[in-house]
Protein backbone atom coordinates (compact mmCIF):
# COMPACT_ATOMS: atom_id res chain seq x y z
CA MET A 1 34.46 -2.41 3.64
CA ALA A 2 33.62 -2.60 -0.36
CA ALA A 3 30.53 -3.59 -1.74
CA ARG A 4 29.87 -6.40 -3.03
CA GLN A 5 29.65 -6.16 -7.03
CA GLY A 6 26.26 -5.95 -8.25
CA LEU A 7 24.77 -5.29 -4.55
CA ASP A 8 23.00 -1.92 -4.00
CA ARG A 9 20.26 -0.43 -1.99
CA GLN A 10 18.21 -1.30 -4.38
CA SER A 11 18.55 -4.89 -4.63
CA VAL A 12 18.74 -5.11 -1.22
CA VAL A 13 15.31 -3.57 -0.58
CA LYS A 14 13.86 -5.69 -3.48
CA THR A 15 15.41 -8.88 -1.65
CA ALA A 16 13.88 -7.63 1.63
CA ALA A 17 10.67 -6.88 0.13
CA GLU A 18 10.17 -10.43 -1.28
CA LEU A 19 11.27 -11.94 2.00
CA ALA A 20 8.84 -10.32 3.74
CA ASP A 21 6.24 -11.17 1.41
CA GLU A 22 7.42 -14.63 1.80
CA VAL A 23 7.95 -15.28 5.63
CA GLY A 24 6.27 -11.81 7.25
CA LEU A 25 7.58 -8.56 7.88
CA GLU A 26 8.64 -9.54 11.80
CA GLN A 27 10.87 -12.44 10.30
CA VAL A 28 12.94 -9.88 7.98
CA THR A 29 16.27 -9.54 10.24
CA LEU A 30 19.65 -8.36 8.99
CA ALA A 31 21.10 -11.88 9.27
CA SER A 32 18.01 -13.32 7.15
CA LEU A 33 18.48 -10.70 4.69
CA ALA A 34 22.14 -11.17 4.56
CA GLY A 35 21.61 -15.09 4.18
CA ARG A 36 19.20 -14.44 1.50
CA LEU A 37 21.66 -12.16 -0.35
CA ASN A 38 24.44 -14.82 0.48
CA VAL A 39 26.60 -11.91 2.14
CA LYS A 40 27.86 -11.36 5.47
CA THR A 41 25.31 -9.09 7.72
CA PRO A 42 27.95 -6.09 7.54
CA SER A 43 28.10 -5.77 4.22
CA LEU A 44 24.56 -5.00 4.14
CA TYR A 45 25.61 -1.62 6.10
CA ASN A 46 27.35 -0.46 2.93
CA HIS A 47 23.65 -0.36 1.64
CA ILE A 48 20.96 0.62 4.49
CA GLN A 49 21.49 1.89 7.98
CA GLY A 50 20.68 -1.31 9.93
CA LEU A 51 17.33 -2.61 10.54
CA PRO A 52 15.87 1.12 11.35
CA GLY A 53 17.33 1.91 7.72
CA LEU A 54 15.88 -1.58 6.50
CA ARG A 55 12.41 -0.61 7.98
CA ARG A 56 12.54 3.17 6.50
CA GLU A 57 13.28 2.05 3.02
CA LEU A 58 10.51 -1.07 2.79
CA ALA A 59 8.27 1.51 3.56
CA LEU A 60 9.09 3.99 1.23
CA HIS A 61 8.99 1.15 -1.27
CA GLY A 62 6.12 -0.12 -0.30
CA ILE A 63 4.21 2.98 -0.59
CA GLU A 64 5.81 3.70 -3.81
CA GLN A 65 4.60 0.09 -5.29
CA LEU A 66 1.22 0.90 -3.75
CA ASN A 67 0.93 4.01 -5.32
CA GLU A 68 1.98 2.23 -8.72
CA ALA A 69 -0.86 -0.39 -8.67
CA LEU A 70 -3.33 2.40 -8.10
CA THR A 71 -2.44 4.69 -10.69
CA HIS A 72 -2.18 1.31 -13.00
CA GLY A 73 -5.67 0.22 -11.99
CA VAL A 74 -7.42 3.11 -12.66
CA LEU A 75 -5.78 3.76 -16.01
CA GLY A 76 -8.67 4.60 -18.43
CA LYS A 77 -11.39 4.86 -16.03
CA SER A 78 -13.19 7.54 -14.28
CA GLY A 79 -15.69 7.85 -11.83
CA ASP A 80 -17.63 4.99 -10.16
CA ASP A 81 -15.17 2.89 -12.21
CA ALA A 82 -12.06 4.65 -11.57
CA VAL A 83 -13.25 3.85 -7.31
CA LEU A 84 -13.91 0.63 -7.93
CA ALA A 85 -10.66 0.11 -9.92
CA VAL A 86 -8.61 1.92 -6.57
CA GLY A 87 -9.93 -0.67 -4.22
CA THR A 88 -9.69 -3.71 -6.19
CA ALA A 89 -5.87 -2.74 -7.00
CA TYR A 90 -5.60 -1.83 -3.17
CA VAL A 91 -6.61 -5.39 -2.02
CA ALA A 92 -4.73 -7.20 -4.90
CA PHE A 93 -1.45 -5.37 -3.93
CA VAL A 94 -1.92 -6.54 -0.54
CA ARG A 95 -2.72 -10.05 -1.48
CA GLN A 96 0.74 -10.08 -3.52
CA HIS A 97 2.41 -8.29 -0.84
CA PRO A 98 1.50 -8.75 2.27
CA GLY A 99 4.74 -8.14 4.34
CA LEU A 100 5.60 -5.35 1.95
CA TYR A 101 2.01 -3.81 2.45
CA GLU A 102 2.75 -4.22 6.48
CA ALA A 103 6.01 -2.57 5.75
CA THR A 104 3.75 0.49 4.86
CA LEU A 105 1.75 0.48 8.20
CA GLY A 106 4.10 0.81 10.58
CA ALA A 107 6.53 3.60 8.46
CA PRO A 108 9.17 4.58 11.04
CA ASP A 109 8.55 7.87 11.51
CA MET A 110 5.79 9.75 10.00
CA SER A 111 7.51 12.87 9.98
CA ASP A 112 10.09 11.37 7.85
CA PRO A 113 9.99 14.03 4.43
CA ASP A 114 10.83 11.35 2.20
CA ILE A 115 7.66 9.34 3.94
CA GLN A 116 5.65 12.31 3.74
CA LYS A 117 6.23 12.73 0.32
CA VAL A 118 5.45 9.49 -1.34
CA SER A 119 2.41 9.10 1.09
CA SER A 120 0.75 12.40 -0.72
CA THR A 121 1.30 10.49 -3.76
CA VAL A 122 -1.07 7.82 -2.53
CA VAL A 123 -3.58 10.02 -1.51
CA ASN A 124 -3.15 12.41 -4.50
CA THR A 125 -3.76 9.82 -6.65
CA VAL A 126 -7.30 8.89 -5.32
CA LEU A 127 -7.86 12.46 -4.91
CA ARG A 128 -7.77 12.77 -8.49
CA VAL A 129 -10.21 10.00 -9.24
CA LEU A 130 -12.64 11.89 -6.58
CA GLU A 131 -12.61 14.65 -8.93
CA VAL A 132 -15.64 13.95 -10.65
CA TYR A 133 -17.57 14.04 -7.43
CA ARG A 134 -16.87 17.55 -7.09
CA LEU A 135 -15.99 17.24 -3.25
CA GLU A 136 -15.15 20.04 -1.03
CA PRO A 137 -11.05 19.84 -0.38
CA GLU A 138 -11.84 18.34 3.29
CA GLU A 139 -14.72 16.35 2.37
CA ALA A 140 -12.68 14.65 -0.38
CA LEU A 141 -9.82 14.00 2.33
CA HIS A 142 -12.47 12.25 4.37
CA THR A 143 -13.36 10.14 1.65
CA VAL A 144 -9.99 9.04 0.86
CA ARG A 145 -9.37 8.09 4.43
CA SER A 146 -13.08 6.10 4.30
CA ILE A 147 -12.01 4.36 1.22
CA ARG A 148 -8.46 3.71 2.76
CA SER A 149 -10.11 2.48 6.01
CA MET A 150 -12.78 0.10 4.45
CA VAL A 151 -9.96 -1.38 1.66
CA HIS A 152 -7.55 -1.72 4.44
CA GLY A 153 -9.86 -3.50 6.77
CA PHE A 154 -11.36 -5.55 4.07
CA ALA A 155 -7.55 -6.83 2.86
CA SER A 156 -6.51 -7.09 6.90
CA LEU A 157 -9.79 -9.56 7.49
CA GLU A 158 -8.68 -11.71 4.58
CA GLY A 159 -4.76 -11.81 5.10
CA LYS A 160 -5.89 -13.04 8.77
CA ASN A 161 -8.47 -15.80 7.37
CA GLY A 162 -11.50 -13.70 8.67
CA PHE A 163 -13.72 -14.82 6.05
CA ARG A 164 -14.75 -18.14 6.13
CA MET A 165 -17.74 -17.77 5.06
CA GLU A 166 -18.34 -19.70 1.25
CA LEU A 167 -18.93 -16.55 -0.67
CA GLU A 168 -16.47 -15.14 -3.41
CA ARG A 169 -14.55 -12.30 -1.82
CA ASP A 170 -14.31 -10.35 -4.92
CA VAL A 171 -18.23 -10.23 -4.90
CA THR A 172 -17.91 -8.87 -0.97
CA LEU A 173 -15.19 -6.34 -1.89
CA HIS A 174 -17.52 -5.11 -5.09
CA HIS A 175 -20.71 -5.11 -2.91
CA MET A 176 -18.72 -2.33 0.23
CA LEU A 177 -17.34 -0.45 -2.48
CA THR A 178 -20.45 0.11 -4.22
CA THR A 179 -22.67 0.49 -1.26
CA TYR A 180 -20.07 3.54 -0.06
CA LEU A 181 -20.40 5.04 -3.86
CA ARG A 182 -24.16 5.05 -3.48
CA GLY A 183 -23.92 6.88 -0.51
CA LEU A 184 -21.77 9.26 -1.43
CA LYS A 185 -23.83 10.19 -4.77
CA THR A 186 -27.00 10.13 -2.39
CA LYS A 187 -24.83 12.71 -0.09
CA GLU A 188 -23.70 14.55 -3.50
CA ALA A 189 -27.28 14.90 -4.82
CA ALA A 190 -28.52 16.08 -1.47
CA GLY A 191 -25.98 18.90 -1.17
CA MET A 192 -26.86 19.78 -5.07
CA GLN A 193 -30.44 20.78 -4.03
């Protein structure tokens, strides 16, 4: 079966990502995607390997887009400002792309070399931001994991309407990150004595 003119893997994945952001990842099926693209479902198989293949492509695309957002967020910043920018960019990405972000969490196969490669780019972006703190390699990885846990938790609670108090959410995010940075600096200062 010939592929539809103008339809390729990239446009299929981009449309699936938009659909996921609009209706949620679980609502993205081959039928709903085909409907959005105005093609018959079997036509999608020219570009992706079924629903598992689509989920893999969405995970790859989402992780790439997240890394791009983090990289753009930290441009021209260093130290605490860069860490704050990473946290802010992460949460902003989740706000703008909730369905695509969800796809990054449930990567079909974390042993997939492509998933591993693109995931390592995100880790390396944050590791570069943390270089100024002169952390030991293992400590730096724990710090990356800690930052991710904080901003993921914040974004997840926000996405599920978990913040109901009349407080500015971005102030809470800033407070959380600056409190963590104070602890990181205290630990760093204690280690230098």
